[in-house]
ModelCIF file with pLDDT and N, C-alpha, C, O atoms, coordinates in Angstrom:
data_MODEL
#
_entry.id   MODEL 
#
_entity.id                         1 
_entity.type                       polymer 
_entity.pdbx_number_of_molecules   1 
#
_entity_poly.entity_id                      1 
_entity_poly.type                           'polypeptide(L)' 
_entity_poly.nstd_linkage                   no 
_entity_poly.nstd_monomer                   no 
_entity_poly.pdbx_seq_one_letter_code       APLDLVQQVKQAHRAFPSGVTVVTAQFDGRPVGLAVSAFS 
_entity_poly.pdbx_seq_one_letter_code_can   APLDLVQQVKQAHRAFPSGVTVVTAQFDGRPVGLAVSAFS 
_entity_poly.pdbx_strand_id                 A 
#
loop_
_entity_poly_seq.entity_id 
_entity_poly_seq.num 
_entity_poly_seq.mon_id 
_entity_poly_seq.hetero 
1 1  ALA n 
1 2  PRO n 
1 3  LEU n 
1 4  ASP n 
1 5  LEU n 
1 6  VAL n 
1 7  GLN n 
1 8  GLN n 
1 9  VAL n 
1 10 LYS n 
1 11 GLN n 
1 12 ALA n 
1 13 HIS n 
1 14 ARG n 
1 15 ALA n 
1 16 PHE n 
1 17 PRO n 
1 18 SER n 
1 19 GLY n 
1 20 VAL n 
1 21 THR n 
1 22 VAL n 
1 23 VAL n 
1 24 THR n 
1 25 ALA n 
1 26 GLN n 
1 27 PHE n 
1 28 ASP n 
1 29 GLY n 
1 30 ARG n 
1 31 PRO n 
1 32 VAL n 
1 33 GLY n 
1 34 LEU n 
1 35 ALA n 
1 36 VAL n 
1 37 SER n 
1 38 ALA n 
1 39 PHE n 
1 40 SER n 
#
_struct_asym.id          A 
_struct_asym.entity_id   1 
#
loop_
_ma_qa_metric.id 
_ma_qa_metric.mode 
_ma_qa_metric.name 
_ma_qa_metric.software_group_id 
_ma_qa_metric.type 
1 global pLDDT . pLDDT 
2 local  pLDDT . pLDDT 
#
_ma_qa_metric_global.metric_id      1 
_ma_qa_metric_global.metric_value   91.10 
_ma_qa_metric_global.model_id       1 
_ma_qa_metric_global.ordinal_id     1 
#
loop_
_ma_qa_metric_local.label_asym_id 
_ma_qa_metric_local.label_comp_id 
_ma_qa_metric_local.label_seq_id 
_ma_qa_metric_local.metric_id 
_ma_qa_metric_local.metric_value 
_ma_qa_metric_local.model_id 
_ma_qa_metric_local.ordinal_id 
A ALA 1  2 71.00 1 1  
A PRO 2  2 76.00 1 2  
A LEU 3  2 73.00 1 3  
A ASP 4  2 87.00 1 4  
A LEU 5  2 89.00 1 5  
A VAL 6  2 87.00 1 6  
A GLN 7  2 90.00 1 7  
A GLN 8  2 91.00 1 8  
A VAL 9  2 90.00 1 9  
A LYS 10 2 87.00 1 10 
A GLN 11 2 90.00 1 11 
A ALA 12 2 90.00 1 12 
A HIS 13 2 88.00 1 13 
A ARG 14 2 89.00 1 14 
A ALA 15 2 89.00 1 15 
A PHE 16 2 91.00 1 16 
A PRO 17 2 92.00 1 17 
A SER 18 2 93.00 1 18 
A GLY 19 2 94.00 1 19 
A VAL 20 2 96.00 1 20 
A THR 21 2 97.00 1 21 
A VAL 22 2 98.00 1 22 
A VAL 23 2 98.00 1 23 
A THR 24 2 97.00 1 24 
A ALA 25 2 97.00 1 25 
A GLN 26 2 95.00 1 26 
A PHE 27 2 92.00 1 27 
A ASP 28 2 90.00 1 28 
A GLY 29 2 90.00 1 29 
A ARG 30 2 94.00 1 30 
A PRO 31 2 96.00 1 31 
A VAL 32 2 96.00 1 32 
A GLY 33 2 96.00 1 33 
A LEU 34 2 95.00 1 34 
A ALA 35 2 96.00 1 35 
A VAL 36 2 93.00 1 36 
A SER 37 2 86.00 1 37 
A ALA 38 2 93.00 1 38 
A PHE 39 2 96.00 1 39 
A SER 40 2 96.00 1 40 
#
loop_
_atom_site.group_PDB 
_atom_site.id 
_atom_site.type_symbol 
_atom_site.label_atom_id 
_atom_site.label_alt_id 
_atom_site.label_comp_id 
_atom_site.label_asym_id 
_atom_site.label_entity_id 
_atom_site.label_seq_id 
_atom_site.pdbx_PDB_ins_code 
_atom_site.Cartn_x 
_atom_site.Cartn_y 
_atom_site.Cartn_z 
_atom_site.occupancy 
_atom_site.B_iso_or_equiv 
_atom_site.pdbx_formal_charge 
_atom_site.auth_seq_id 
_atom_site.auth_comp_id 
_atom_site.auth_asym_id 
_atom_site.auth_atom_id 
_atom_site.pdbx_PDB_model_num 
ATOM 1   N N  . ALA A 1 1  ? 0.780   -1.161  -0.105 1.00 71.00 ? 1  ALA A N  1 
ATOM 2   C CA . ALA A 1 1  ? -0.166  -0.129  0.032  1.00 71.00 ? 1  ALA A CA 1 
ATOM 3   C C  . ALA A 1 1  ? 0.721   1.319   -0.025 1.00 71.00 ? 1  ALA A C  1 
ATOM 4   O O  . ALA A 1 1  ? 1.797   1.326   0.574  1.00 71.00 ? 1  ALA A O  1 
ATOM 5   N N  . PRO A 1 2  ? 0.376   2.285   -0.587 1.00 76.00 ? 2  PRO A N  1 
ATOM 6   C CA . PRO A 1 2  ? 1.214   3.544   -0.583 1.00 76.00 ? 2  PRO A CA 1 
ATOM 7   C C  . PRO A 1 2  ? 1.373   4.086   0.745  1.00 76.00 ? 2  PRO A C  1 
ATOM 8   O O  . PRO A 1 2  ? 0.397   4.002   1.491  1.00 76.00 ? 2  PRO A O  1 
ATOM 9   N N  . LEU A 1 3  ? 2.343   4.582   1.138  1.00 73.00 ? 3  LEU A N  1 
ATOM 10  C CA . LEU A 1 3  ? 2.727   5.043   2.540  1.00 73.00 ? 3  LEU A CA 1 
ATOM 11  C C  . LEU A 1 3  ? 1.563   5.905   3.089  1.00 73.00 ? 3  LEU A C  1 
ATOM 12  O O  . LEU A 1 3  ? 1.074   5.604   4.178  1.00 73.00 ? 3  LEU A O  1 
ATOM 13  N N  . ASP A 1 4  ? 1.072   7.024   2.345  1.00 87.00 ? 4  ASP A N  1 
ATOM 14  C CA . ASP A 1 4  ? 0.089   7.762   2.848  1.00 87.00 ? 4  ASP A CA 1 
ATOM 15  C C  . ASP A 1 4  ? -1.203  7.050   3.196  1.00 87.00 ? 4  ASP A C  1 
ATOM 16  O O  . ASP A 1 4  ? -1.959  7.534   4.039  1.00 87.00 ? 4  ASP A O  1 
ATOM 17  N N  . LEU A 1 5  ? -1.474  5.928   2.578  1.00 89.00 ? 5  LEU A N  1 
ATOM 18  C CA . LEU A 1 5  ? -2.708  5.121   2.842  1.00 89.00 ? 5  LEU A CA 1 
ATOM 19  C C  . LEU A 1 5  ? -2.357  4.373   4.199  1.00 89.00 ? 5  LEU A C  1 
ATOM 20  O O  . LEU A 1 5  ? -3.220  4.292   5.073  1.00 89.00 ? 5  LEU A O  1 
ATOM 21  N N  . VAL A 1 6  ? -1.155  3.851   4.371  1.00 87.00 ? 6  VAL A N  1 
ATOM 22  C CA . VAL A 1 6  ? -0.805  3.085   5.494  1.00 87.00 ? 6  VAL A CA 1 
ATOM 23  C C  . VAL A 1 6  ? -0.859  4.046   6.791  1.00 87.00 ? 6  VAL A C  1 
ATOM 24  O O  . VAL A 1 6  ? -1.226  3.574   7.868  1.00 87.00 ? 6  VAL A O  1 
ATOM 25  N N  . GLN A 1 7  ? -0.485  5.410   6.668  1.00 90.00 ? 7  GLN A N  1 
ATOM 26  C CA . GLN A 1 7  ? -0.549  6.338   7.700  1.00 90.00 ? 7  GLN A CA 1 
ATOM 27  C C  . GLN A 1 7  ? -1.990  6.603   8.063  1.00 90.00 ? 7  GLN A C  1 
ATOM 28  O O  . GLN A 1 7  ? -2.335  6.669   9.242  1.00 90.00 ? 7  GLN A O  1 
ATOM 29  N N  . GLN A 1 8  ? -2.881  6.765   7.007  1.00 91.00 ? 8  GLN A N  1 
ATOM 30  C CA . GLN A 1 8  ? -4.326  6.996   7.137  1.00 91.00 ? 8  GLN A CA 1 
ATOM 31  C C  . GLN A 1 8  ? -4.937  5.927   7.869  1.00 91.00 ? 8  GLN A C  1 
ATOM 32  O O  . GLN A 1 8  ? -5.722  6.165   8.788  1.00 91.00 ? 8  GLN A O  1 
ATOM 33  N N  . VAL A 1 9  ? -4.567  4.539   7.453  1.00 90.00 ? 9  VAL A N  1 
ATOM 34  C CA . VAL A 1 9  ? -5.291  3.571   8.108  1.00 90.00 ? 9  VAL A CA 1 
ATOM 35  C C  . VAL A 1 9  ? -4.675  3.415   9.458  1.00 90.00 ? 9  VAL A C  1 
ATOM 36  O O  . VAL A 1 9  ? -5.437  2.917   10.288 1.00 90.00 ? 9  VAL A O  1 
ATOM 37  N N  . LYS A 1 10 ? -3.534  3.706   9.858  1.00 87.00 ? 10 LYS A N  1 
ATOM 38  C CA . LYS A 1 10 ? -3.096  3.667   11.255 1.00 87.00 ? 10 LYS A CA 1 
ATOM 39  C C  . LYS A 1 10 ? -3.964  4.696   12.163 1.00 87.00 ? 10 LYS A C  1 
ATOM 40  O O  . LYS A 1 10 ? -4.510  4.436   13.235 1.00 87.00 ? 10 LYS A O  1 
ATOM 41  N N  . GLN A 1 11 ? -3.953  5.860   11.501 1.00 90.00 ? 11 GLN A N  1 
ATOM 42  C CA . GLN A 1 11 ? -4.780  7.022   12.135 1.00 90.00 ? 11 GLN A CA 1 
ATOM 43  C C  . GLN A 1 11 ? -6.260  6.479   12.397 1.00 90.00 ? 11 GLN A C  1 
ATOM 44  O O  . GLN A 1 11 ? -6.824  6.742   13.459 1.00 90.00 ? 11 GLN A O  1 
ATOM 45  N N  . ALA A 1 12 ? -6.776  5.840   11.564 1.00 90.00 ? 12 ALA A N  1 
ATOM 46  C CA . ALA A 1 12 ? -8.313  5.287   11.722 1.00 90.00 ? 12 ALA A CA 1 
ATOM 47  C C  . ALA A 1 12 ? -8.262  4.338   12.747 1.00 90.00 ? 12 ALA A C  1 
ATOM 48  O O  . ALA A 1 12 ? -9.184  4.302   13.562 1.00 90.00 ? 12 ALA A O  1 
ATOM 49  N N  . HIS A 1 13 ? -7.214  3.480   12.833 1.00 88.00 ? 13 HIS A N  1 
ATOM 50  C CA . HIS A 1 13 ? -7.391  2.404   13.791 1.00 88.00 ? 13 HIS A CA 1 
ATOM 51  C C  . HIS A 1 13 ? -7.233  2.815   15.171 1.00 88.00 ? 13 HIS A C  1 
ATOM 52  O O  . HIS A 1 13 ? -7.812  2.222   16.081 1.00 88.00 ? 13 HIS A O  1 
ATOM 53  N N  . ARG A 1 14 ? -6.424  3.868   15.374 1.00 89.00 ? 14 ARG A N  1 
ATOM 54  C CA . ARG A 1 14 ? -6.206  4.619   16.847 1.00 89.00 ? 14 ARG A CA 1 
ATOM 55  C C  . ARG A 1 14 ? -7.582  5.043   17.021 1.00 89.00 ? 14 ARG A C  1 
ATOM 56  O O  . ARG A 1 14 ? -7.855  5.096   18.220 1.00 89.00 ? 14 ARG A O  1 
ATOM 57  N N  . ALA A 1 15 ? -8.632  5.392   16.203 1.00 89.00 ? 15 ALA A N  1 
ATOM 58  C CA . ALA A 1 15 ? -9.803  5.919   16.655 1.00 89.00 ? 15 ALA A CA 1 
ATOM 59  C C  . ALA A 1 15 ? -10.699 4.665   17.354 1.00 89.00 ? 15 ALA A C  1 
ATOM 60  O O  . ALA A 1 15 ? -11.647 4.869   18.112 1.00 89.00 ? 15 ALA A O  1 
ATOM 61  N N  . PHE A 1 16 ? -10.251 3.427   16.982 1.00 91.00 ? 16 PHE A N  1 
ATOM 62  C CA . PHE A 1 16 ? -10.948 2.326   17.606 1.00 91.00 ? 16 PHE A CA 1 
ATOM 63  C C  . PHE A 1 16 ? -10.639 1.723   18.864 1.00 91.00 ? 16 PHE A C  1 
ATOM 64  O O  . PHE A 1 16 ? -9.757  0.865   18.831 1.00 91.00 ? 16 PHE A O  1 
ATOM 65  N N  . PRO A 1 17 ? -11.145 1.968   19.916 1.00 92.00 ? 17 PRO A N  1 
ATOM 66  C CA . PRO A 1 17 ? -10.796 1.392   21.223 1.00 92.00 ? 17 PRO A CA 1 
ATOM 67  C C  . PRO A 1 17 ? -10.854 -0.179  21.233 1.00 92.00 ? 17 PRO A C  1 
ATOM 68  O O  . PRO A 1 17 ? -11.758 -0.845  20.730 1.00 92.00 ? 17 PRO A O  1 
ATOM 69  N N  . SER A 1 18 ? -9.711  -0.680  21.903 1.00 93.00 ? 18 SER A N  1 
ATOM 70  C CA . SER A 1 18 ? -9.837  -2.214  21.915 1.00 93.00 ? 18 SER A CA 1 
ATOM 71  C C  . SER A 1 18 ? -9.127  -2.569  23.373 1.00 93.00 ? 18 SER A C  1 
ATOM 72  O O  . SER A 1 18 ? -8.396  -1.854  24.058 1.00 93.00 ? 18 SER A O  1 
ATOM 73  N N  . GLY A 1 19 ? -9.539  -3.760  23.583 1.00 94.00 ? 19 GLY A N  1 
ATOM 74  C CA . GLY A 1 19 ? -9.032  -4.369  24.807 1.00 94.00 ? 19 GLY A CA 1 
ATOM 75  C C  . GLY A 1 19 ? -7.715  -4.771  24.408 1.00 94.00 ? 19 GLY A C  1 
ATOM 76  O O  . GLY A 1 19 ? -7.376  -4.811  23.225 1.00 94.00 ? 19 GLY A O  1 
ATOM 77  N N  . VAL A 1 20 ? -6.855  -5.114  25.502 1.00 96.00 ? 20 VAL A N  1 
ATOM 78  C CA . VAL A 1 20 ? -5.385  -5.560  25.353 1.00 96.00 ? 20 VAL A CA 1 
ATOM 79  C C  . VAL A 1 20 ? -5.116  -6.954  25.862 1.00 96.00 ? 20 VAL A C  1 
ATOM 80  O O  . VAL A 1 20 ? -5.300  -7.227  27.048 1.00 96.00 ? 20 VAL A O  1 
ATOM 81  N N  . THR A 1 21 ? -4.755  -7.695  25.131 1.00 97.00 ? 21 THR A N  1 
ATOM 82  C CA . THR A 1 21 ? -4.530  -9.179  25.407 1.00 97.00 ? 21 THR A CA 1 
ATOM 83  C C  . THR A 1 21 ? -3.071  -9.535  25.193 1.00 97.00 ? 21 THR A C  1 
ATOM 84  O O  . THR A 1 21 ? -2.323  -8.964  24.399 1.00 97.00 ? 21 THR A O  1 
ATOM 85  N N  . VAL A 1 22 ? -2.740  -10.578 26.017 1.00 98.00 ? 22 VAL A N  1 
ATOM 86  C CA . VAL A 1 22 ? -1.475  -11.152 25.849 1.00 98.00 ? 22 VAL A CA 1 
ATOM 87  C C  . VAL A 1 22 ? -1.623  -12.657 25.382 1.00 98.00 ? 22 VAL A C  1 
ATOM 88  O O  . VAL A 1 22 ? -2.330  -13.405 26.057 1.00 98.00 ? 22 VAL A O  1 
ATOM 89  N N  . VAL A 1 23 ? -1.074  -13.057 24.417 1.00 98.00 ? 23 VAL A N  1 
ATOM 90  C CA . VAL A 1 23 ? -1.130  -14.407 23.853 1.00 98.00 ? 23 VAL A CA 1 
ATOM 91  C C  . VAL A 1 23 ? 0.093   -15.120 24.289 1.00 98.00 ? 23 VAL A C  1 
ATOM 92  O O  . VAL A 1 23 ? 1.194   -14.585 24.165 1.00 98.00 ? 23 VAL A O  1 
ATOM 93  N N  . THR A 1 24 ? -0.048  -16.300 24.792 1.00 97.00 ? 24 THR A N  1 
ATOM 94  C CA . THR A 1 24 ? 1.068   -17.035 25.322 1.00 97.00 ? 24 THR A CA 1 
ATOM 95  C C  . THR A 1 24 ? 0.911   -18.545 24.810 1.00 97.00 ? 24 THR A C  1 
ATOM 96  O O  . THR A 1 24 ? -0.099  -18.976 24.252 1.00 97.00 ? 24 THR A O  1 
ATOM 97  N N  . ALA A 1 25 ? 2.078   -19.283 25.091 1.00 97.00 ? 25 ALA A N  1 
ATOM 98  C CA . ALA A 1 25 ? 2.192   -20.623 24.828 1.00 97.00 ? 25 ALA A CA 1 
ATOM 99  C C  . ALA A 1 25 ? 3.530   -21.170 25.562 1.00 97.00 ? 25 ALA A C  1 
ATOM 100 O O  . ALA A 1 25 ? 4.496   -20.506 25.937 1.00 97.00 ? 25 ALA A O  1 
ATOM 101 N N  . GLN A 1 26 ? 3.337   -22.434 25.652 1.00 95.00 ? 26 GLN A N  1 
ATOM 102 C CA . GLN A 1 26 ? 4.518   -23.102 26.271 1.00 95.00 ? 26 GLN A CA 1 
ATOM 103 C C  . GLN A 1 26 ? 5.604   -23.638 25.160 1.00 95.00 ? 26 GLN A C  1 
ATOM 104 O O  . GLN A 1 26 ? 5.179   -24.445 24.334 1.00 95.00 ? 26 GLN A O  1 
ATOM 105 N N  . PHE A 1 27 ? 6.761   -23.300 25.101 1.00 92.00 ? 27 PHE A N  1 
ATOM 106 C CA . PHE A 1 27 ? 7.509   -23.790 23.812 1.00 92.00 ? 27 PHE A CA 1 
ATOM 107 C C  . PHE A 1 27 ? 8.796   -24.395 24.463 1.00 92.00 ? 27 PHE A C  1 
ATOM 108 O O  . PHE A 1 27 ? 9.430   -23.616 25.174 1.00 92.00 ? 27 PHE A O  1 
ATOM 109 N N  . ASP A 1 28 ? 9.217   -25.512 24.343 1.00 90.00 ? 28 ASP A N  1 
ATOM 110 C CA . ASP A 1 28 ? 10.472  -26.208 24.927 1.00 90.00 ? 28 ASP A CA 1 
ATOM 111 C C  . ASP A 1 28 ? 10.576  -25.940 26.301 1.00 90.00 ? 28 ASP A C  1 
ATOM 112 O O  . ASP A 1 28 ? 11.645  -25.593 26.803 1.00 90.00 ? 28 ASP A O  1 
ATOM 113 N N  . GLY A 1 29 ? 9.422   -26.093 27.020 1.00 90.00 ? 29 GLY A N  1 
ATOM 114 C CA . GLY A 1 29 ? 9.278   -25.836 28.562 1.00 90.00 ? 29 GLY A CA 1 
ATOM 115 C C  . GLY A 1 29 ? 9.430   -24.502 29.098 1.00 90.00 ? 29 GLY A C  1 
ATOM 116 O O  . GLY A 1 29 ? 9.613   -24.253 30.289 1.00 90.00 ? 29 GLY A O  1 
ATOM 117 N N  . ARG A 1 30 ? 9.340   -23.591 28.088 1.00 94.00 ? 30 ARG A N  1 
ATOM 118 C CA . ARG A 1 30 ? 9.425   -22.195 28.546 1.00 94.00 ? 30 ARG A CA 1 
ATOM 119 C C  . ARG A 1 30 ? 8.190   -21.400 28.132 1.00 94.00 ? 30 ARG A C  1 
ATOM 120 O O  . ARG A 1 30 ? 7.590   -21.692 27.098 1.00 94.00 ? 30 ARG A O  1 
ATOM 121 N N  . PRO A 1 31 ? 7.789   -20.368 28.948 1.00 96.00 ? 31 PRO A N  1 
ATOM 122 C CA . PRO A 1 31 ? 6.508   -19.661 28.482 1.00 96.00 ? 31 PRO A CA 1 
ATOM 123 C C  . PRO A 1 31 ? 7.178   -18.610 27.363 1.00 96.00 ? 31 PRO A C  1 
ATOM 124 O O  . PRO A 1 31 ? 8.311   -18.133 27.431 1.00 96.00 ? 31 PRO A O  1 
ATOM 125 N N  . VAL A 1 32 ? 6.319   -18.408 26.458 1.00 96.00 ? 32 VAL A N  1 
ATOM 126 C CA . VAL A 1 32 ? 6.633   -17.281 25.508 1.00 96.00 ? 32 VAL A CA 1 
ATOM 127 C C  . VAL A 1 32 ? 5.258   -16.469 25.267 1.00 96.00 ? 32 VAL A C  1 
ATOM 128 O O  . VAL A 1 32 ? 4.162   -16.986 25.479 1.00 96.00 ? 32 VAL A O  1 
ATOM 129 N N  . GLY A 1 33 ? 5.427   -15.138 24.799 1.00 96.00 ? 33 GLY A N  1 
ATOM 130 C CA . GLY A 1 33 ? 4.257   -14.483 24.641 1.00 96.00 ? 33 GLY A CA 1 
ATOM 131 C C  . GLY A 1 33 ? 4.407   -13.104 24.191 1.00 96.00 ? 33 GLY A C  1 
ATOM 132 O O  . GLY A 1 33 ? 5.514   -12.574 24.274 1.00 96.00 ? 33 GLY A O  1 
ATOM 133 N N  . LEU A 1 34 ? 3.335   -12.425 23.690 1.00 95.00 ? 34 LEU A N  1 
ATOM 134 C CA . LEU A 1 34 ? 3.437   -10.896 23.171 1.00 95.00 ? 34 LEU A CA 1 
ATOM 135 C C  . LEU A 1 34 ? 1.990   -10.316 23.387 1.00 95.00 ? 34 LEU A C  1 
ATOM 136 O O  . LEU A 1 34 ? 0.951   -10.974 23.437 1.00 95.00 ? 34 LEU A O  1 
ATOM 137 N N  . ALA A 1 35 ? 2.114   -9.086  23.494 1.00 96.00 ? 35 ALA A N  1 
ATOM 138 C CA . ALA A 1 35 ? 0.715   -8.245  23.525 1.00 96.00 ? 35 ALA A CA 1 
ATOM 139 C C  . ALA A 1 35 ? 0.084   -8.110  22.072 1.00 96.00 ? 35 ALA A C  1 
ATOM 140 O O  . ALA A 1 35 ? 0.773   -7.829  21.091 1.00 96.00 ? 35 ALA A O  1 
ATOM 141 N N  . VAL A 1 36 ? -1.213  -8.323  22.022 1.00 93.00 ? 36 VAL A N  1 
ATOM 142 C CA . VAL A 1 36 ? -1.920  -8.462  20.858 1.00 93.00 ? 36 VAL A CA 1 
ATOM 143 C C  . VAL A 1 36 ? -3.325  -7.645  21.123 1.00 93.00 ? 36 VAL A C  1 
ATOM 144 O O  . VAL A 1 36 ? -4.082  -7.853  22.071 1.00 93.00 ? 36 VAL A O  1 
ATOM 145 N N  . SER A 1 37 ? -3.494  -6.741  20.157 1.00 86.00 ? 37 SER A N  1 
ATOM 146 C CA . SER A 1 37 ? -4.937  -5.969  20.254 1.00 86.00 ? 37 SER A CA 1 
ATOM 147 C C  . SER A 1 37 ? -5.793  -6.556  19.278 1.00 86.00 ? 37 SER A C  1 
ATOM 148 O O  . SER A 1 37 ? -6.980  -6.232  19.307 1.00 86.00 ? 37 SER A O  1 
ATOM 149 N N  . ALA A 1 38 ? -5.400  -7.355  18.431 1.00 93.00 ? 38 ALA A N  1 
ATOM 150 C CA . ALA A 1 38 ? -6.432  -7.920  17.524 1.00 93.00 ? 38 ALA A CA 1 
ATOM 151 C C  . ALA A 1 38 ? -6.971  -9.269  17.989 1.00 93.00 ? 38 ALA A C  1 
ATOM 152 O O  . ALA A 1 38 ? -6.409  -10.321 17.682 1.00 93.00 ? 38 ALA A O  1 
ATOM 153 N N  . PHE A 1 39 ? -7.991  -9.220  18.680 1.00 96.00 ? 39 PHE A N  1 
ATOM 154 C CA . PHE A 1 39 ? -8.741  -10.480 19.340 1.00 96.00 ? 39 PHE A CA 1 
ATOM 155 C C  . PHE A 1 39 ? -10.121 -10.204 19.120 1.00 96.00 ? 39 PHE A C  1 
ATOM 156 O O  . PHE A 1 39 ? -10.615 -9.077  19.134 1.00 96.00 ? 39 PHE A O  1 
ATOM 157 N N  . SER A 1 40 ? -10.818 -11.436 18.885 1.00 96.00 ? 40 SER A N  1 
ATOM 158 C CA . SER A 1 40 ? -12.193 -11.302 18.786 1.00 96.00 ? 40 SER A CA 1 
ATOM 159 C C  . SER A 1 40 ? -12.866 -12.481 18.991 1.00 96.00 ? 40 SER A C  1 
ATOM 160 O O  . SER A 1 40 ? -14.096 -12.508 18.932 1.00 96.00 ? 40 SER A O  1 
#
């Protein structure tokens, strides 16, 4: 996508409140995870 479109899409997404989730798993006996806002 053109850069200006990407920036406009980011701005539009900032107008949409979302919950904050952390997605996790066990891998090789240790926990891994990251923050994710796209959850539904």
